């Protein structure tokens, strides 16, 4: 359903734009991450989709506080 919107609006599918609600919603679904994770990945890796995918694949998420000991 999002695909026709991408084609109609000419969204850049190589770079992640975090300024629009639809953009963030699209990329969180595509990359299967939360908005916070997406923002962190873009901050660390840049906006290029391949770099963000690599960052997400390589990331080492800390354990929740209640599981650390």
Protein backbone atom coordinates (compact mmCIF):
# COMPACT_ATOMS: atom_id res chain seq x y z
CA UNK A 1 0.00 0.00 0.00
CA UNK A 2 2.88 2.39 0.69
CA UNK A 3 4.58 1.53 -2.62
CA UNK A 4 2.17 3.56 -4.81
CA UNK A 5 2.68 6.55 -2.50
CA UNK A 6 6.45 6.27 -2.91
CA UNK A 7 6.16 6.19 -6.68
CA UNK A 8 3.57 8.97 -6.79
CA UNK A 9 5.57 11.36 -4.61
CA UNK A 10 8.97 10.40 -6.02
CA UNK A 11 10.48 9.61 -2.61
CA UNK A 12 14.18 8.91 -2.57
CA UNK A 13 14.51 5.24 -1.64
CA UNK A 14 18.30 5.42 -1.25
CA UNK A 15 18.32 7.95 1.57
CA UNK A 16 16.32 8.10 4.78
CA UNK A 17 14.54 11.36 5.49
CA UNK A 18 13.46 11.73 9.12
CA UNK A 19 11.58 15.02 8.72
CA UNK A 20 8.21 13.60 7.73
CA UNK A 21 5.88 11.35 9.70
CA UNK A 22 5.19 9.23 6.61
CA UNK A 23 8.92 8.85 5.96
CA UNK A 24 9.63 7.68 9.49
CA UNK A 25 6.63 5.35 9.42
CA UNK A 26 7.76 3.85 6.11
CA UNK A 27 11.38 3.27 7.18
CA UNK A 28 10.46 1.82 10.58
CA UNK A 29 8.26 -0.74 8.80
CA UNK A 30 10.81 -1.52 6.08
CA UNK A 31 13.70 -1.87 8.50
CA UNK A 32 11.61 -3.41 11.31
CA UNK A 33 12.86 -0.97 13.95
CA UNK A 34 11.35 1.58 16.30
CA UNK A 35 11.47 5.30 15.52
CA UNK A 36 14.12 5.74 18.22
CA UNK A 37 16.26 2.97 16.73
CA UNK A 38 15.87 4.52 13.29
CA UNK A 39 16.92 7.96 14.51
CA UNK A 40 19.95 6.51 16.30
CA UNK A 41 20.97 4.48 13.23
CA UNK A 42 20.74 7.53 10.96
CA UNK A 43 22.66 9.62 13.49
CA UNK A 44 25.44 7.01 13.64
CA UNK A 45 25.53 5.77 10.04
CA UNK A 46 24.19 8.63 7.95
CA UNK A 47 21.12 8.72 5.74
CA UNK A 48 22.08 6.20 3.06
CA UNK A 49 19.85 3.13 3.37
CA UNK A 50 22.67 0.63 2.85
CA UNK A 51 24.75 2.24 5.61
CA UNK A 52 21.77 2.22 7.98
CA UNK A 53 21.02 -1.43 7.17
CA UNK A 54 24.65 -2.32 7.87
CA UNK A 55 24.63 -0.39 11.14
CA UNK A 56 21.45 -2.15 12.25
CA UNK A 57 22.87 -5.54 11.30
CA UNK A 58 26.12 -4.88 13.19
CA UNK A 59 24.69 -3.16 16.25
CA UNK A 60 25.19 -4.57 19.69
CA UNK A 61 22.18 -3.60 21.77
CA UNK A 62 22.75 -3.49 25.52
CA UNK A 63 20.76 -5.84 27.71
CA UNK A 64 17.84 -4.32 29.60
CA UNK A 65 18.90 -3.13 33.04
CA UNK A 66 16.97 -5.87 34.85
CA UNK A 67 18.89 -8.58 32.94
CA UNK A 68 22.38 -7.18 33.49
CA UNK A 69 24.40 -8.52 36.40
